[in-house]
Every structure is written in structure tokens, then in C-alpha cells.
Amino acid sequence: MPPLSFVDKLIYWTIILLLCVAYFVLMLGPLYLRNKIAFADTTVIAATDKISMWWLIVPWMTFFLMTFILWLQPYQSRKPIFGRRNFKYGPPAWPKVYPLFMKNKPTVWVSQRKKKEQRQIAVILLIVLLVSFIPFPWSLYGRDCLRNDGSIARYNMFNSQTHEFTSGDIGEIEIGTYRYYIGKNNAKRHWGVQIVFKTDSGMKYTFEHRDFRNDAHSETVYWLEWMLNIKKRYDPSMIHYDGLEDLDRVIADRDLNQKEVEKLYQLFGQQN
């Protein structure tokens, strides 16, 4: 096929840009919905999940592969949309492929068998896409929730509560620093704070600073205020600390001001 016209190239690249936006929304949209669902309960101050989000991979990958291949195939084949002005498509110089919106476009004969196969393929692809989205709701509900009274609840992918522990069921709490990586090839290292709750039955629940509700009204960062409030609900003898040597890294990475630094040291039971 001859090279695509400027208009056709513009249309193709506009389509792929719109698809990229759709991929982005399909990936981040559930994260927004998860937060809305988890924090719809005003008593919940932190929510986290490490498993159910993987259900999102199934519909996302199916949608990505289907739409990208359906875009790539005609683009690589140089299938024209409006075509090049004053250019003669079709035999003998070119294959029997004509612009989609060409005026007085010649009829290209296609056998009934091939038409039937094309319809069947289209139906199969549509069914596969619809089926792949069945797990999508399952990616929204699974979570562990920390409430402002110190209780912890676990919800499964069907939004049903499966476990609940009151503050009296907590046997040990560990407040510590941790590092995590983001960016390409995990090149950028960051530091944060987390609280680990260990129940008398041996269950463990971890809530990182970025898992906390971001609407606390105070002079310090929201997660620090929530952590301090939770800490006050437990006997100091139950609380242990880890990673004190990395507090300076947390301060620098989280860009804490003087008042927040004082609160951070208070959270870790240290004097600044």
C-alpha cells in the first residue's frame, strides 16, 4: 500500500492517544473507586490491599491487547481512511484496498463465507472482552481497614467482612520506617513510616503512611496525625519501634517541617 496521507496519520495517532488515555483511566480509575469505597465509612482512617487489585490485570490486559492490535494492524498495513488527494487506489498499481470514506468507492467482492468468518471473529472477540471484565468488580472491594477506635476489619472481593479484631484483640504493635522503590527499574528509593498490628491469634496487618485517609485537619501531615491518635489508644508496653536509624531519611524524603519532625520523634517515642 502507498504511504498514508497526513490526515490519515493524524487520525491514527489521535486514536492511539485516546486509547492511551483509556488505558490510563482503566488503571487509575479503580484506585480512585477503591478509596471511595473504603473511606465511605467515616470511621475508617486507613485501608490497604495487596491481593485483590490483581483481578484488574485480566480486563486491563484483554482490553489493551485487543484495542492495540486492532489499531496496529490497519496502521501497519497502511489502510487509508480518507486517502491521498488525487491518488488512484486499487489495481493495477495497488491492491484492492480503498479509503474508508472514499467517494464512489469500487465494490470489492468478498465471499459469503469470509463475511461469516469475520462476523464470527467479531462476536468471539466481543464475548472475550465482556467475559474478561467479570473480575473487574472483584478488584474494588478486597481490603484491610483500620478504624479510628483501633479495630481492624478485613473485607473480601465481594465486599463481605470476613475478619474483625477489636483493639483488645491486638497483642503487639510495631511502628517502623521502611523503604520502597518507584520509577523505571525501581531506580528511585523512598522512605516512609508504617504501623504493624499483630493480633493475639497470630494475624498481622500492616498500614503504610500512604494508606491513611488524606483529610485530617491539622498543622501536620495527615498520616502522622492519624498514627499519633492510634498510638494513644494502646498501652505503651505493647508498642515496639524499628528503623530508628532511618528517621533522618524519612524526614528528608517526606520533606517534614520542624513541627512535623517533632511529631515524628514523638511517634517513635524519641526526644528530638
Protein backbone atom coordinates (compact mmCIF):
# COMPACT_ATOMS: atom_id res chain seq x y z
CA MET A 1 0.00 0.00 0.00
CA PRO A 2 1.13 3.59 -0.60
CA PRO A 3 2.12 5.77 2.35
CA LEU A 4 -0.75 7.19 4.41
CA SER A 5 -1.80 10.78 3.91
CA PHE A 6 -1.08 13.37 6.59
CA VAL A 7 -4.76 13.44 7.61
CA ASP A 8 -4.90 9.65 7.91
CA LYS A 9 -1.73 9.58 10.02
CA LEU A 10 -3.19 12.30 12.22
CA ILE A 11 -6.37 10.27 12.71
CA TYR A 12 -4.45 7.09 13.51
CA TRP A 13 -2.26 8.83 16.08
CA THR A 14 -5.24 10.61 17.61
CA ILE A 15 -6.88 7.22 18.06
CA ILE A 16 -3.83 5.74 19.80
CA LEU A 17 -3.57 8.79 22.06
CA LEU A 18 -7.22 8.34 23.04
CA LEU A 19 -6.55 4.66 23.67
CA CYS A 20 -3.60 5.55 25.90
CA VAL A 21 -5.92 7.80 27.91
CA ALA A 22 -8.37 4.89 28.17
CA TYR A 23 -5.58 2.55 29.36
CA PHE A 24 -4.56 5.14 31.94
CA VAL A 25 -8.13 5.66 33.18
CA LEU A 26 -8.80 1.92 33.33
CA MET A 27 -5.72 1.52 35.50
CA LEU A 28 -6.14 4.51 37.85
CA GLY A 29 -9.94 4.63 37.90
CA PRO A 30 -10.24 1.53 40.12
CA LEU A 31 -7.73 3.04 42.56
CA TYR A 32 -9.97 6.07 42.93
CA LEU A 33 -13.07 3.87 43.30
CA ARG A 34 -11.31 1.69 45.88
CA ASN A 35 -10.56 4.72 48.04
CA LYS A 36 -14.13 5.98 47.70
CA ILE A 37 -15.47 2.58 48.76
CA ALA A 38 -13.02 2.06 51.62
CA PHE A 39 -13.38 5.55 53.08
CA ALA A 40 -17.14 5.76 52.61
CA ASP A 41 -17.18 4.54 56.21
CA THR A 42 -16.16 7.68 58.10
CA THR A 43 -14.71 5.61 60.96
CA VAL A 44 -12.07 4.11 58.62
CA ILE A 45 -8.77 6.00 58.79
CA ALA A 46 -6.58 3.65 56.73
CA ALA A 47 -7.16 0.98 54.11
CA THR A 48 -4.80 -1.30 52.22
CA ASP A 49 -4.86 -4.31 49.95
CA LYS A 50 -2.12 -6.44 48.44
CA ILE A 51 -4.09 -9.12 46.58
CA SER A 52 -7.49 -8.25 45.08
CA MET A 53 -6.08 -5.47 42.87
CA TRP A 54 -4.55 -8.22 40.73
CA TRP A 55 -8.03 -9.02 39.41
CA LEU A 56 -7.74 -5.78 37.44
CA ILE A 57 -4.93 -7.26 35.32
CA VAL A 58 -7.35 -9.59 33.48
CA PRO A 59 -9.69 -6.95 31.96
CA TRP A 60 -6.89 -4.41 31.52
CA MET A 61 -4.63 -6.72 29.55
CA THR A 62 -7.53 -8.03 27.44
CA PHE A 63 -8.70 -4.51 26.58
CA PHE A 64 -5.13 -3.35 25.91
CA LEU A 65 -4.18 -6.24 23.62
CA MET A 66 -7.43 -6.18 21.65
CA THR A 67 -7.59 -2.46 21.02
CA PHE A 68 -3.87 -2.07 20.36
CA ILE A 69 -3.80 -4.93 17.84
CA LEU A 70 -6.96 -3.63 16.16
CA TRP A 71 -5.21 -0.26 15.82
CA LEU A 72 -1.80 -1.60 14.85
CA GLN A 73 -2.92 -3.97 12.12
CA PRO A 74 -4.56 -1.38 9.80
CA TYR A 75 -1.89 1.22 10.64
CA GLN A 76 0.98 -1.08 9.67
CA SER A 77 -0.97 -2.22 6.61
CA ARG A 78 -1.41 1.46 5.66
CA LYS A 79 -5.15 1.11 5.35
CA PRO A 80 -6.36 4.57 4.25
CA ILE A 81 -9.24 6.39 5.92
CA PHE A 82 -9.75 9.46 3.72
CA GLY A 83 -6.83 8.66 1.44
CA ARG A 84 -4.46 10.85 -0.51
CA ARG A 85 -5.95 13.53 -2.71
CA ASN A 86 -5.72 12.97 -6.46
CA PHE A 87 -4.31 9.49 -5.96
CA LYS A 88 -5.62 6.43 -7.77
CA TYR A 89 -6.06 3.48 -5.41
CA GLY A 90 -6.60 -0.11 -6.48
CA PRO A 91 -5.34 -2.26 -9.36
CA PRO A 92 -3.26 -2.47 -11.37
CA ALA A 93 -0.70 -0.48 -9.38
CA TRP A 94 -2.04 -1.21 -5.88
CA PRO A 95 -4.05 -3.88 -4.01
CA LYS A 96 -7.85 -3.79 -3.92
CA VAL A 97 -7.89 -1.60 -0.81
CA TYR A 98 -9.68 1.74 -0.91
CA PRO A 99 -10.07 4.63 1.57
CA LEU A 100 -12.83 4.05 4.11
CA PHE A 101 -14.61 7.30 3.20
CA MET A 102 -13.79 7.37 -0.47
CA LYS A 103 -16.49 8.75 -2.78
CA ASN A 104 -17.71 6.35 -5.45
CA LYS A 105 -15.62 3.60 -3.91
CA PRO A 106 -15.45 0.47 -6.13
CA THR A 107 -17.10 -2.61 -4.72
CA VAL A 108 -14.63 -5.26 -3.61
CA TRP A 109 -16.13 -8.74 -3.77
CA VAL A 110 -15.95 -10.74 -0.54
CA SER A 111 -17.31 -14.27 -0.33
CA GLN A 112 -20.21 -15.01 1.99
CA ARG A 113 -18.00 -17.50 3.82
CA LYS A 114 -15.39 -14.86 4.58
CA LYS A 115 -18.09 -12.40 5.70
CA LYS A 116 -19.47 -15.04 8.04
CA GLU A 117 -16.00 -15.74 9.44
CA GLN A 118 -15.41 -12.03 10.03
CA ARG A 119 -18.73 -11.73 11.90
CA GLN A 120 -17.90 -14.80 13.99
CA ILE A 121 -14.48 -13.42 14.88
CA ALA A 122 -16.03 -10.08 15.87
CA VAL A 123 -18.60 -11.81 18.09
CA ILE A 124 -15.94 -14.01 19.71
CA LEU A 125 -13.72 -11.02 20.45
CA LEU A 126 -16.64 -9.11 21.95
CA ILE A 127 -17.57 -12.07 24.16
CA VAL A 128 -13.96 -12.49 25.32
CA LEU A 129 -13.79 -8.78 26.17
CA LEU A 130 -17.07 -8.86 28.11
CA VAL A 131 -16.08 -12.03 29.99
CA SER A 132 -12.70 -10.54 30.88
CA PHE A 133 -14.49 -7.69 32.69
CA ILE A 134 -16.32 -10.09 35.04
CA PRO A 135 -13.45 -9.93 37.59
CA PHE A 136 -13.34 -6.11 37.41
CA PRO A 137 -15.65 -5.53 40.43
CA TRP A 138 -13.60 -8.03 42.43
CA SER A 139 -10.63 -5.64 42.21
CA LEU A 140 -12.56 -2.89 44.03
CA TYR A 141 -13.59 -4.40 47.35
CA GLY A 142 -10.89 -6.54 48.95
CA ARG A 143 -9.21 -4.55 51.71
CA ASP A 144 -8.00 -4.33 55.29
CA CYS A 145 -9.43 -1.37 57.19
CA LEU A 146 -8.14 0.37 60.29
CA ARG A 147 -10.82 2.28 62.21
CA ASN A 148 -10.35 5.27 64.48
CA ASP A 149 -11.18 3.15 67.55
CA GLY A 150 -8.21 0.89 66.83
CA SER A 151 -10.25 -2.02 65.44
CA ILE A 152 -9.32 -3.78 62.20
CA ALA A 153 -11.67 -5.34 59.64
CA ARG A 154 -10.95 -7.42 56.56
CA TYR A 155 -13.25 -7.47 53.52
CA ASN A 156 -13.13 -9.96 50.67
CA MET A 157 -13.53 -9.29 46.95
CA PHE A 158 -17.33 -9.46 47.32
CA ASN A 159 -17.30 -6.64 49.90
CA SER A 160 -18.22 -9.02 52.73
CA GLN A 161 -16.47 -8.66 56.07
CA THR A 162 -14.55 -11.85 56.86
CA HIS A 163 -12.49 -10.86 59.93
CA GLU A 164 -12.77 -8.27 62.65
CA PHE A 165 -10.44 -7.52 65.53
CA THR A 166 -11.15 -5.02 68.28
CA SER A 167 -8.37 -3.03 69.91
CA GLY A 168 -8.48 -5.60 72.71
CA ASP A 169 -7.52 -8.36 70.25
CA ILE A 170 -4.26 -6.62 69.37
CA GLY A 171 -1.30 -8.15 71.20
CA GLU A 172 1.59 -6.12 69.77
CA ILE A 173 2.19 -3.01 67.67
CA GLU A 174 5.36 -2.15 65.78
CA ILE A 175 5.96 1.34 64.45
CA GLY A 176 8.81 1.43 61.99
CA THR A 177 10.44 3.02 58.99
CA TYR A 178 10.64 1.27 55.63
CA ARG A 179 11.93 1.96 52.16
CA TYR A 180 10.21 1.45 48.84
CA TYR A 181 11.11 1.99 45.20
CA ILE A 182 9.28 3.62 42.33
CA GLY A 183 10.14 4.65 38.78
CA LYS A 184 11.66 2.76 35.91
CA ASN A 185 13.53 -0.33 37.08
CA ASN A 186 12.80 0.74 40.69
CA ALA A 187 15.52 3.35 40.33
CA LYS A 188 14.14 5.87 42.82
CA ARG A 189 14.23 5.00 46.52
CA HIS A 190 11.81 6.50 49.04
CA TRP A 191 11.32 6.26 52.79
CA GLY A 192 8.12 6.07 54.81
CA VAL A 193 6.52 5.04 58.09
CA GLN A 194 4.30 2.06 58.79
CA ILE A 195 2.36 0.56 61.68
CA VAL A 196 2.16 -3.22 62.05
CA PHE A 197 -0.63 -4.70 64.18
CA LYS A 198 -0.17 -8.27 65.47
CA THR A 199 -3.26 -9.94 66.89
CA ASP A 200 -3.35 -12.49 69.69
CA SER A 201 -4.35 -15.10 67.10
CA GLY A 202 -1.19 -14.51 65.07
CA MET A 203 -2.62 -12.35 62.27
CA LYS A 204 -0.55 -9.41 61.04
CA TYR A 205 -1.87 -6.19 59.44
CA THR A 206 0.42 -3.50 58.03
CA PHE A 207 -0.66 0.06 57.24
CA GLU A 208 1.81 2.35 55.50
CA HIS A 209 1.73 6.14 55.70
CA ARG A 210 0.21 6.35 52.20
CA ASP A 211 -2.69 4.09 53.24
CA PHE A 212 -4.21 6.68 55.57
CA ARG A 213 -7.19 8.89 54.90
CA ASN A 214 -6.00 12.18 53.44
CA ASP A 215 -8.45 14.57 55.08
CA ALA A 216 -7.16 15.16 58.62
CA HIS A 217 -7.36 18.84 59.52
CA SER A 218 -4.19 19.64 61.42
CA GLU A 219 -0.93 21.54 61.19
CA THR A 220 0.97 18.36 60.44
CA VAL A 221 0.70 15.85 57.59
CA TYR A 222 -2.43 13.71 57.72
CA TRP A 223 -0.79 10.29 58.18
CA LEU A 224 1.35 11.46 61.07
CA GLU A 225 -1.68 12.83 62.90
CA TRP A 226 -3.67 9.62 62.38
CA MET A 227 -0.77 7.45 63.57
CA LEU A 228 -0.34 9.52 66.74
CA ASN A 229 -4.07 9.26 67.50
CA ILE A 230 -3.99 5.49 67.07
CA LYS A 231 -0.87 5.14 69.18
CA LYS A 232 -2.62 6.85 72.11
CA ARG A 233 -5.22 4.08 72.22
CA TYR A 234 -2.74 1.38 73.20
CA ASP A 235 -0.64 0.63 76.25
CA PRO A 236 2.96 1.81 75.67
CA SER A 237 4.23 -1.62 76.76
CA MET A 238 2.60 -3.14 73.64
CA ILE A 239 4.43 -0.80 71.25
CA HIS A 240 7.83 -1.53 69.74
CA TYR A 241 9.90 0.56 67.32
CA ASP A 242 12.00 -0.39 64.33
CA GLY A 243 14.29 1.55 61.97
CA LEU A 244 15.07 4.47 64.28
CA GLU A 245 18.37 4.92 62.46
CA ASP A 246 16.46 5.87 59.30
CA LEU A 247 14.33 8.66 60.76
CA ASP A 248 16.54 11.30 59.14
CA ARG A 249 15.93 9.67 55.75
CA VAL A 250 12.18 9.74 56.34
CA ILE A 251 12.35 13.43 57.34
CA ALA A 252 14.28 14.33 54.19
CA ASP A 253 12.22 12.21 51.83
CA ARG A 254 8.83 13.28 53.22
CA ASP A 255 10.02 16.91 53.43
CA LEU A 256 8.77 17.36 57.01
CA ASN A 257 8.85 20.76 58.68
CA GLN A 258 10.06 21.38 62.23
CA LYS A 259 6.68 20.77 63.85
CA GLU A 260 6.20 17.57 61.88
CA VAL A 261 9.71 16.40 62.83
CA GLU A 262 8.82 16.84 66.50
CA LYS A 263 5.64 14.82 65.99
CA LEU A 264 7.58 12.10 64.13
CA TYR A 265 10.01 11.70 67.01
CA GLN A 266 7.04 11.65 69.39
CA LEU A 267 5.51 8.85 67.31
CA PHE A 268 8.72 6.84 67.69
CA GLY A 269 8.98 7.60 71.42
CA GLN A 270 12.11 9.67 70.95
CA GLN A 271 13.24 13.09 72.05
CA ASN A 272 14.26 15.40 69.21
